Amino acid sequence: MRNRVSLVGGLLAAAVAAVAFAGTAAAFPEKPISYIIPFGPGGESDVTARHQQPFFKKMFGQDLVISYKPGGGGAVGWAQLNSLKGDGYTMMGINLPHTVVQPLQKDVGYKTDDLVPIIYFHYTPDAIVVKADSPFKTLKDLVDFGKKSPGKLTFSG
C-alpha cells in the first residue's frame, strides 16, 4: 500500500510540475533563423530567400538570416546543414543539384535521405538542351547514345 501511495504521489507531483511548466514554455522561434543558400548570391535561390525575409519577420517576429555556402553543386551547403544540430534554427533551400549530385557521386558529405523537405515554396523549371548543331534532335536520340556509348555523354548544370 505504501508503495502505491508513493507511486500515486510521485505521478501527481510530476503532473502538477508539468502543468506548471507548460505555461512557461517559450514560443518558437526565440531567436533568428539561419537560412543556408548552397549557392552564391544573386541566383534564383537567393532571390527567393530574400523575398521570404519580410514575410518570415512578420509571421514569426524574428529575422531570417541568409548565408551562402556555394560549392559542389550545393553539396557544401547540404553537408554543413547535415552536420548541425536539428534544433529548428537552421534551414536550407534546396533544388535539383542536391537530389542529383549525391546519388551520382555517393560520397559528397550527405545523403539525400538525411533531410526531409518541410515545404515546397517555388518551382524551378528544368530543361535538357543541346547545341543547335548537335546530332541529338530528340530526348530519345540522347538516351540512345548514352546507352550505346557508356562514359562518353556528359552534362552540366
Foldseek 3Di string as FASTA:
>chain_A
DVVVVVVVVVVVVVVVVCVVCVVVDDDPPPEEAEEEEQADPDDPQNVVVVVCQVVCCVVGVYGYHYDYNYDDLSLRVVLVVLPDDPPVRYYYDDDDSVVPRCVVPVPSNDDPVSDDDDDDDDDDDDDDDDDPPDPDPDVVSVVVCCVVDPPPDDDDD
